[in-house]
Amino acid sequence: MFSIFDIRYIKSEVILEVLNKLNAIPNESIMIGDRMHDIIGAKEAGIKSIGVTFGYAEDGELEESGADFIVESSSELLSCIFKLI
């Protein structure tokens, strides 16, 4: 059995496929990511992005990739999400 992750290699395509499967609207969705590929994929898919520094990103990676918001803790992430919804 194949999943969408077996056939999609471009991050924005994966994001859009998941949004489609969930019947979610891109401009009402938020991507949370810890690497530049997550942020760039979100931008290409037309959704807001929150970069988390407590993942695998190198210093400055999230800023350089254009994350809409950058947070440094899970509590800060939760606050950011609540502000956006």
PDB file of N, CA and C in Angstrom:
ATOM      1  N   MET A   1       0.839  -1.185   0.000  1.00  0.00           N
ATOM      2  CA  MET A   1       0.000   0.000   0.000  1.00  0.00           C
ATOM      3  C   MET A   1       0.883   1.246   0.000  1.00  0.00           C
ATOM      4  N   PHE A   2       0.560   2.181  -0.871  1.00  0.00           N
ATOM      5  CA  PHE A   2       1.321   3.416  -0.980  1.00  0.00           C
ATOM      6  C   PHE A   2       0.649   4.519  -0.180  1.00  0.00           C
ATOM      7  N   SER A   3       1.456   5.405   0.340  1.00  0.00           N
ATOM      8  CA  SER A   3       0.920   6.601   0.993  1.00  0.00           C
ATOM      9  C   SER A   3       1.333   7.802   0.159  1.00  0.00           C
ATOM     10  N   ILE A   4       0.764   8.943   0.480  1.00  0.00           N
ATOM     11  CA  ILE A   4       1.136  10.148  -0.258  1.00  0.00           C
ATOM     12  C   ILE A   4       2.615  10.456  -0.105  1.00  0.00           C
ATOM     13  N   PHE A   5       3.226  10.002   0.976  1.00  0.00           N
ATOM     14  CA  PHE A   5       4.627  10.294   1.216  1.00  0.00           C
ATOM     15  C   PHE A   5       5.541   9.414   0.371  1.00  0.00           C
ATOM     16  N   ASP A   6       5.020   8.312  -0.170  1.00  0.00           N
ATOM     17  CA  ASP A   6       5.805   7.448  -1.038  1.00  0.00           C
ATOM     18  C   ASP A   6       5.910   8.006  -2.451  1.00  0.00           C
ATOM     19  N   ILE A   7       4.974   8.856  -2.855  1.00  0.00           N
ATOM     20  CA  ILE A   7       4.943   9.301  -4.237  1.00  0.00           C
ATOM     21  C   ILE A   7       5.212  10.787  -4.420  1.00  0.00           C
ATOM     22  N   ARG A   8       5.311  11.531  -3.362  1.00  0.00           N
ATOM     23  CA  ARG A   8       5.541  12.971  -3.448  1.00  0.00           C
ATOM     24  C   ARG A   8       6.927  13.289  -2.894  1.00  0.00           C
ATOM     25  N   TYR A   9       7.662  14.114  -3.616  1.00  0.00           N
ATOM     26  CA  TYR A   9       9.003  14.458  -3.171  1.00  0.00           C
ATOM     27  C   TYR A   9       9.183  15.946  -2.930  1.00  0.00           C
ATOM     28  N   ILE A  10       8.299  16.753  -3.485  1.00  0.00           N
ATOM     29  CA  ILE A  10       8.379  18.188  -3.289  1.00  0.00           C
ATOM     30  C   ILE A  10       7.510  18.546  -2.093  1.00  0.00           C
ATOM     31  N   LYS A  11       8.096  19.192  -1.099  1.00  0.00           N
ATOM     32  CA  LYS A  11       7.415  19.458   0.163  1.00  0.00           C
ATOM     33  C   LYS A  11       6.075  20.147  -0.032  1.00  0.00           C
ATOM     34  N   SER A  12       6.010  21.143  -0.913  1.00  0.00           N
ATOM     35  CA  SER A  12       4.741  21.846  -1.121  1.00  0.00           C
ATOM     36  C   SER A  12       3.672  20.908  -1.677  1.00  0.00           C
ATOM     37  N   GLU A  13       4.061  19.946  -2.490  1.00  0.00           N
ATOM     38  CA  GLU A  13       3.095  18.972  -3.002  1.00  0.00           C
ATOM     39  C   GLU A  13       2.567  18.089  -1.881  1.00  0.00           C
ATOM     40  N   VAL A  14       3.446  17.690  -0.987  1.00  0.00           N
ATOM     41  CA  VAL A  14       3.032  16.882   0.163  1.00  0.00           C
ATOM     42  C   VAL A  14       2.054  17.677   1.020  1.00  0.00           C
ATOM     43  N   ILE A  15       2.392  18.925   1.295  1.00  0.00           N
ATOM     44  CA  ILE A  15       1.533  19.788   2.116  1.00  0.00           C
ATOM     45  C   ILE A  15       0.168  19.948   1.456  1.00  0.00           C
ATOM     46  N   LEU A  16       0.145  20.256   0.176  1.00  0.00           N
ATOM     47  CA  LEU A  16      -1.127  20.454  -0.517  1.00  0.00           C
ATOM     48  C   LEU A  16      -1.946  19.173  -0.568  1.00  0.00           C
ATOM     49  N   GLU A  17      -1.300  18.035  -0.728  1.00  0.00           N
ATOM     50  CA  GLU A  17      -2.014  16.757  -0.730  1.00  0.00           C
ATOM     51  C   GLU A  17      -2.642  16.475   0.636  1.00  0.00           C
ATOM     52  N   VAL A  18      -1.902  16.743   1.695  1.00  0.00           N
ATOM     53  CA  VAL A  18      -2.447  16.545   3.043  1.00  0.00           C
ATOM     54  C   VAL A  18      -3.618  17.492   3.281  1.00  0.00           C
ATOM     55  N   LEU A  19      -3.459  18.753   2.903  1.00  0.00           N
ATOM     56  CA  LEU A  19      -4.555  19.709   3.059  1.00  0.00           C
ATOM     57  C   LEU A  19      -5.786  19.241   2.292  1.00  0.00           C
ATOM     58  N   ASN A  20      -5.571  18.731   1.087  1.00  0.00           N
ATOM     59  CA  ASN A  20      -6.673  18.223   0.279  1.00  0.00           C
ATOM     60  C   ASN A  20      -7.362  17.048   0.974  1.00  0.00           C
ATOM     61  N   LYS A  21      -6.579  16.107   1.484  1.00  0.00           N
ATOM     62  CA  LYS A  21      -7.142  14.935   2.167  1.00  0.00           C
ATOM     63  C   LYS A  21      -7.938  15.337   3.403  1.00  0.00           C
ATOM     64  N   LEU A  22      -7.526  16.429   4.050  1.00  0.00           N
ATOM     65  CA  LEU A  22      -8.206  16.906   5.257  1.00  0.00           C
ATOM     66  C   LEU A  22      -9.309  17.920   4.953  1.00  0.00           C
ATOM     67  N   ASN A  23      -9.488  18.214   3.667  1.00  0.00           N
ATOM     68  CA  ASN A  23     -10.441  19.253   3.256  1.00  0.00           C
ATOM     69  C   ASN A  23     -10.135  20.583   3.946  1.00  0.00           C
ATOM     70  N   ALA A  24      -8.863  20.861   4.112  1.00  0.00           N
ATOM     71  CA  ALA A  24      -8.420  22.103   4.761  1.00  0.00           C
ATOM     72  C   ALA A  24      -8.170  23.172   3.698  1.00  0.00           C
ATOM     73  N   ILE A  25      -8.343  24.404   4.097  1.00  0.00           N
ATOM     74  CA  ILE A  25      -8.130  25.544   3.209  1.00  0.00           C
ATOM     75  C   ILE A  25      -6.736  26.111   3.479  1.00  0.00           C
ATOM     76  N   PRO A  26      -5.897  26.228   2.440  1.00  0.00           N
ATOM     77  CA  PRO A  26      -4.520  26.687   2.657  1.00  0.00           C
ATOM     78  C   PRO A  26      -4.392  27.987   3.447  1.00  0.00           C
ATOM     79  N   ASN A  27      -5.188  29.008   3.105  1.00  0.00           N
ATOM     80  CA  ASN A  27      -5.011  30.284   3.817  1.00  0.00           C
ATOM     81  C   ASN A  27      -5.615  30.270   5.216  1.00  0.00           C
ATOM     82  N   GLU A  28      -6.170  29.123   5.626  1.00  0.00           N
ATOM     83  CA  GLU A  28      -6.651  28.957   6.997  1.00  0.00           C
ATOM     84  C   GLU A  28      -5.826  27.914   7.744  1.00  0.00           C
ATOM     85  N   SER A  29      -4.682  27.547   7.173  1.00  0.00           N
ATOM     86  CA  SER A  29      -3.837  26.495   7.742  1.00  0.00           C
ATOM     87  C   SER A  29      -2.498  27.062   8.189  1.00  0.00           C
ATOM     88  N   ILE A  30      -1.811  26.308   9.029  1.00  0.00           N
ATOM     89  CA  ILE A  30      -0.503  26.707   9.552  1.00  0.00           C
ATOM     90  C   ILE A  30       0.440  25.514   9.438  1.00  0.00           C
ATOM     91  N   MET A  31       1.623  25.759   8.917  1.00  0.00           N
ATOM     92  CA  MET A  31       2.668  24.738   8.871  1.00  0.00           C
ATOM     93  C   MET A  31       3.653  25.017   9.985  1.00  0.00           C
ATOM     94  N   ILE A  32       3.928  24.011  10.783  1.00  0.00           N
ATOM     95  CA  ILE A  32       4.937  24.122  11.836  1.00  0.00           C
ATOM     96  C   ILE A  32       6.110  23.264  11.392  1.00  0.00           C
ATOM     97  N   GLY A  33       7.281  23.877  11.332  1.00  0.00           N
ATOM     98  CA  GLY A  33       8.430  23.139  10.846  1.00  0.00           C
ATOM     99  C   GLY A  33       9.716  23.520  11.541  1.00  0.00           C
ATOM    100  N   ASP A  34      10.678  22.606  11.447  1.00  0.00           N
ATOM    101  CA  ASP A  34      11.971  22.851  12.088  1.00  0.00           C
ATOM    102  C   ASP A  34      13.118  22.914  11.081  1.00  0.00           C
ATOM    103  N   ARG A  35      12.778  22.881   9.784  1.00  0.00           N
ATOM    104  CA  ARG A  35      13.812  22.967   8.753  1.00  0.00           C
ATOM    105  C   ARG A  35      13.354  23.896   7.642  1.00  0.00           C
ATOM    106  N   MET A  36      14.294  24.381   6.865  1.00  0.00           N
ATOM    107  CA  MET A  36      13.984  25.316   5.795  1.00  0.00           C
ATOM    108  C   MET A  36      13.033  24.717   4.767  1.00  0.00           C
ATOM    109  N   HIS A  37      13.124  23.399   4.538  1.00  0.00           N
ATOM    110  CA  HIS A  37      12.249  22.756   3.556  1.00  0.00           C
ATOM    111  C   HIS A  37      10.784  22.865   3.975  1.00  0.00           C
ATOM    112  N   ASP A  38      10.528  22.808   5.271  1.00  0.00           N
ATOM    113  CA  ASP A  38       9.165  22.958   5.786  1.00  0.00           C
ATOM    114  C   ASP A  38       8.643  24.364   5.515  1.00  0.00           C
ATOM    115  N   ILE A  39       9.479  25.347   5.769  1.00  0.00           N
ATOM    116  CA  ILE A  39       9.081  26.753   5.614  1.00  0.00           C
ATOM    117  C   ILE A  39       8.893  27.096   4.137  1.00  0.00           C
ATOM    118  N   ILE A  40       9.827  26.692   3.313  1.00  0.00           N
ATOM    119  CA  ILE A  40       9.722  26.957   1.877  1.00  0.00           C
ATOM    120  C   ILE A  40       8.503  26.243   1.294  1.00  0.00           C
ATOM    121  N   GLY A  41       8.283  25.011   1.706  1.00  0.00           N
ATOM    122  CA  GLY A  41       7.112  24.273   1.243  1.00  0.00           C
ATOM    123  C   GLY A  41       5.819  24.961   1.633  1.00  0.00           C
ATOM    124  N   ALA A  42       5.769  25.489   2.846  1.00  0.00           N
ATOM    125  CA  ALA A  42       4.578  26.214   3.301  1.00  0.00           C
ATOM    126  C   ALA A  42       4.348  27.448   2.442  1.00  0.00           C
ATOM    127  N   LYS A  43       5.403  28.194   2.183  1.00  0.00           N
ATOM    128  CA  LYS A  43       5.278  29.395   1.343  1.00  0.00           C
ATOM    129  C   LYS A  43       4.777  29.030  -0.045  1.00  0.00           C
ATOM    130  N   GLU A  44       5.344  27.993  -0.633  1.00  0.00           N
ATOM    131  CA  GLU A  44       4.927  27.566  -1.968  1.00  0.00           C
ATOM    132  C   GLU A  44       3.480  27.076  -1.981  1.00  0.00           C
ATOM    133  N   ALA A  45       3.016  26.530  -0.851  1.00  0.00           N
ATOM    134  CA  ALA A  45       1.641  26.032  -0.752  1.00  0.00           C
ATOM    135  C   ALA A  45       0.663  27.128  -0.350  1.00  0.00           C
ATOM    136  N   GLY A  46       1.185  28.307  -0.025  1.00  0.00           N
ATOM    137  CA  GLY A  46       0.323  29.430   0.327  1.00  0.00           C
ATOM    138  C   GLY A  46      -0.218  29.397   1.744  1.00  0.00           C
ATOM    139  N   ILE A  47       0.550  28.793   2.653  1.00  0.00           N
ATOM    140  CA  ILE A  47       0.102  28.768   4.051  1.00  0.00           C
ATOM    141  C   ILE A  47       1.124  29.447   4.953  1.00  0.00           C
ATOM    142  N   LYS A  48       0.654  29.917   6.102  1.00  0.00           N
ATOM    143  CA  LYS A  48       1.543  30.541   7.085  1.00  0.00           C
ATOM    144  C   LYS A  48       2.463  29.488   7.678  1.00  0.00           C
ATOM    145  N   SER A  49       3.635  29.943   8.115  1.00  0.00           N
ATOM    146  CA  SER A  49       4.591  29.005   8.688  1.00  0.00           C
ATOM    147  C   SER A  49       5.097  29.492  10.038  1.00  0.00           C
ATOM    148  N   ILE A  50       5.288  28.528  10.920  1.00  0.00           N
ATOM    149  CA  ILE A  50       5.918  28.789  12.217  1.00  0.00           C
ATOM    150  C   ILE A  50       7.157  27.904  12.277  1.00  0.00           C
ATOM    151  N   GLY A  51       8.306  28.537  12.396  1.00  0.00           N
ATOM    152  CA  GLY A  51       9.547  27.796  12.541  1.00  0.00           C
ATOM    153  C   GLY A  51       9.847  27.576  14.008  1.00  0.00           C
ATOM    154  N   VAL A  52      10.219  26.353  14.353  1.00  0.00           N
ATOM    155  CA  VAL A  52      10.565  26.037  15.741  1.00  0.00           C
ATOM    156  C   VAL A  52      12.065  25.809  15.852  1.00  0.00           C
ATOM    157  N   THR A  53      12.695  26.523  16.772  1.00  0.00           N
ATOM    158  CA  THR A  53      14.147  26.423  16.921  1.00  0.00           C
ATOM    159  C   THR A  53      14.572  25.217  17.739  1.00  0.00           C
ATOM    160  N   PHE A  54      13.615  24.501  18.309  1.00  0.00           N
ATOM    161  CA  PHE A  54      13.951  23.349  19.139  1.00  0.00           C
ATOM    162  C   PHE A  54      13.877  22.038  18.342  1.00  0.00           C
ATOM    163  N   GLY A  55      14.190  22.145  17.047  1.00  0.00           N
ATOM    164  CA  GLY A  55      14.249  20.974  16.187  1.00  0.00           C
ATOM    165  C   GLY A  55      15.638  20.833  15.602  1.00  0.00           C
ATOM    166  N   TYR A  56      15.712  20.599  14.308  1.00  0.00           N
ATOM    167  CA  TYR A  56      16.980  20.296  13.652  1.00  0.00           C
ATOM    168  C   TYR A  56      17.601  21.448  12.881  1.00  0.00           C
ATOM    169  N   ALA A  57      16.933  22.588  12.821  1.00  0.00           N
ATOM    170  CA  ALA A  57      17.444  23.710  12.032  1.00  0.00           C
ATOM    171  C   ALA A  57      18.774  24.234  12.571  1.00  0.00           C
ATOM    172  N   GLU A  58      19.618  24.627  11.652  1.00  0.00           N
ATOM    173  CA  GLU A  58      20.864  25.290  12.034  1.00  0.00           C
ATOM    174  C   GLU A  58      20.559  26.752  12.336  1.00  0.00           C
ATOM    175  N   ASP A  59      21.445  27.406  13.052  1.00  0.00           N
ATOM    176  CA  ASP A  59      21.245  28.821  13.392  1.00  0.00           C
ATOM    177  C   ASP A  59      20.992  29.644  12.129  1.00  0.00           C
ATOM    178  N   GLY A  60      19.927  30.432  12.158  1.00  0.00           N
ATOM    179  CA  GLY A  60      19.606  31.324  11.054  1.00  0.00           C
ATOM    180  C   GLY A  60      18.834  30.696   9.912  1.00  0.00           C
ATOM    181  N   GLU A  61      18.710  29.386   9.896  1.00  0.00           N
ATOM    182  CA  GLU A  61      18.056  28.685   8.787  1.00  0.00           C
ATOM    183  C   GLU A  61      16.587  29.083   8.631  1.00  0.00           C
ATOM    184  N   LEU A  62      15.872  29.174   9.735  1.00  0.00           N
ATOM    185  CA  LEU A  62      14.442  29.496   9.675  1.00  0.00           C
ATOM    186  C   LEU A  62      14.220  30.943   9.240  1.00  0.00           C
ATOM    187  N   GLU A  63      15.070  31.829   9.730  1.00  0.00           N
ATOM    188  CA  GLU A  63      14.981  33.243   9.331  1.00  0.00           C
ATOM    189  C   GLU A  63      15.260  33.395   7.843  1.00  0.00           C
ATOM    190  N   GLU A  64      16.313  32.736   7.377  1.00  0.00           N
ATOM    191  CA  GLU A  64      16.702  32.827   5.972  1.00  0.00           C
ATOM    192  C   GLU A  64      15.652  32.252   5.038  1.00  0.00           C
ATOM    193  N   SER A  65      14.930  31.243   5.502  1.00  0.00           N
ATOM    194  CA  SER A  65      13.916  30.632   4.640  1.00  0.00           C
ATOM    195  C   SER A  65      12.597  31.389   4.670  1.00  0.00           C
ATOM    196  N   GLY A  66      12.491  32.402   5.546  1.00  0.00           N
ATOM    197  CA  GLY A  66      11.319  33.276   5.530  1.00  0.00           C
ATOM    198  C   GLY A  66      10.147  32.836   6.374  1.00  0.00           C
ATOM    199  N   ALA A  67      10.412  32.142   7.467  1.00  0.00           N
ATOM    200  CA  ALA A  67       9.311  31.742   8.358  1.00  0.00           C
ATOM    201  C   ALA A  67       8.512  32.972   8.782  1.00  0.00           C
ATOM    202  N   ASP A  68       7.193  32.836   8.796  1.00  0.00           N
ATOM    203  CA  ASP A  68       6.340  33.950   9.212  1.00  0.00           C
ATOM    204  C   ASP A  68       6.527  34.255  10.695  1.00  0.00           C
ATOM    205  N   PHE A  69       6.741  33.210  11.471  1.00  0.00           N
ATOM    206  CA  PHE A  69       6.962  33.344  12.908  1.00  0.00           C
ATOM    207  C   PHE A  69       8.025  32.342  13.310  1.00  0.00           C
ATOM    208  N   ILE A  70       8.804  32.674  14.321  1.00  0.00           N
ATOM    209  CA  ILE A  70       9.812  31.761  14.848  1.00  0.00           C
ATOM    210  C   ILE A  70       9.647  31.709  16.356  1.00  0.00           C
ATOM    211  N   VAL A  71       9.575  30.496  16.889  1.00  0.00           N
ATOM    212  CA  VAL A  71       9.395  30.312  18.327  1.00  0.00           C
ATOM    213  C   VAL A  71      10.512  29.433  18.872  1.00  0.00           C
ATOM    214  N   GLU A  72      10.751  29.603  20.174  1.00  0.00           N
ATOM    215  CA  GLU A  72      11.865  28.900  20.801  1.00  0.00           C
ATOM    216  C   GLU A  72      11.448  27.860  21.833  1.00  0.00           C
ATOM    217  N   SER A  73      10.142  27.696  22.044  1.00  0.00           N
ATOM    218  CA  SER A  73       9.676  26.702  23.018  1.00  0.00           C
ATOM    219  C   SER A  73       8.271  26.244  22.645  1.00  0.00           C
ATOM    220  N   SER A  74       7.864  25.124  23.222  1.00  0.00           N
ATOM    221  CA  SER A  74       6.517  24.621  22.935  1.00  0.00           C
ATOM    222  C   SER A  74       5.445  25.552  23.496  1.00  0.00           C
ATOM    223  N   SER A  75       5.714  26.201  24.616  1.00  0.00           N
ATOM    224  CA  SER A  75       4.725  27.138  25.161  1.00  0.00           C
ATOM    225  C   SER A  75       4.606  28.372  24.271  1.00  0.00           C
ATOM    226  N   GLU A  76       5.719  28.831  23.720  1.00  0.00           N
ATOM    227  CA  GLU A  76       5.689  29.953  22.790  1.00  0.00           C
ATOM    228  C   GLU A  76       4.964  29.550  21.496  1.00  0.00           C
ATOM    229  N   LEU A  77       5.148  28.304  21.069  1.00  0.00           N
ATOM    230  CA  LEU A  77       4.456  27.791  19.887  1.00  0.00           C
ATOM    231  C   LEU A  77       2.949  27.811  20.108  1.00  0.00           C
ATOM    232  N   LEU A  78       2.515  27.325  21.247  1.00  0.00           N
ATOM    233  CA  LEU A  78       1.089  27.299  21.557  1.00  0.00           C
ATOM    234  C   LEU A  78       0.510  28.712  21.565  1.00  0.00           C
ATOM    235  N   SER A  79       1.205  29.647  22.164  1.00  0.00           N
ATOM    236  CA  SER A  79       0.752  31.046  22.179  1.00  0.00           C
ATOM    237  C   SER A  79       0.648  31.601  20.766  1.00  0.00           C
ATOM    238  N   CYS A  80       1.611  31.291  19.925  1.00  0.00           N
ATOM    239  CA  CYS A  80       1.619  31.771  18.550  1.00  0.00           C
ATOM    240  C   CYS A  80       0.424  31.201  17.783  1.00  0.00           C
ATOM    241  N   ILE A  81       0.158  29.921  17.959  1.00  0.00           N
ATOM    242  CA  ILE A  81      -0.981  29.293  17.291  1.00  0.00           C
ATOM    243  C   ILE A  81      -2.282  29.957  17.717  1.00  0.00           C
ATOM    244  N   PHE A  82      -2.450  30.162  19.008  1.00  0.00           N
ATOM    245  CA  PHE A  82      -3.691  30.783  19.499  1.00  0.00           C
ATOM    246  C   PHE A  82      -3.872  32.204  18.962  1.00  0.00           C
ATOM    247  N   LYS A  83      -2.781  32.907  18.745  1.00  0.00           N
ATOM    248  CA  LYS A  83      -2.884  34.255  18.174  1.00  0.00           C
ATOM    249  C   LYS A  83      -3.326  34.208  16.714  1.00  0.00           C
ATOM    250  N   LEU A  84      -2.986  33.127  16.025  1.00  0.00           N
ATOM    251  CA  LEU A  84      -3.291  33.010  14.601  1.00  0.00           C
ATOM    252  C   LEU A  84      -4.688  32.454  14.310  1.00  0.00           C
ATOM    253  N   ILE A  85      -5.264  31.763  15.261  1.00  0.00           N
ATOM    254  CA  ILE A  85      -6.588  31.174  14.984  1.00  0.00           C
ATOM    255  C   ILE A  85      -7.722  32.025  15.508  1.00  0.00           C
TER     256      ILE A  85
END
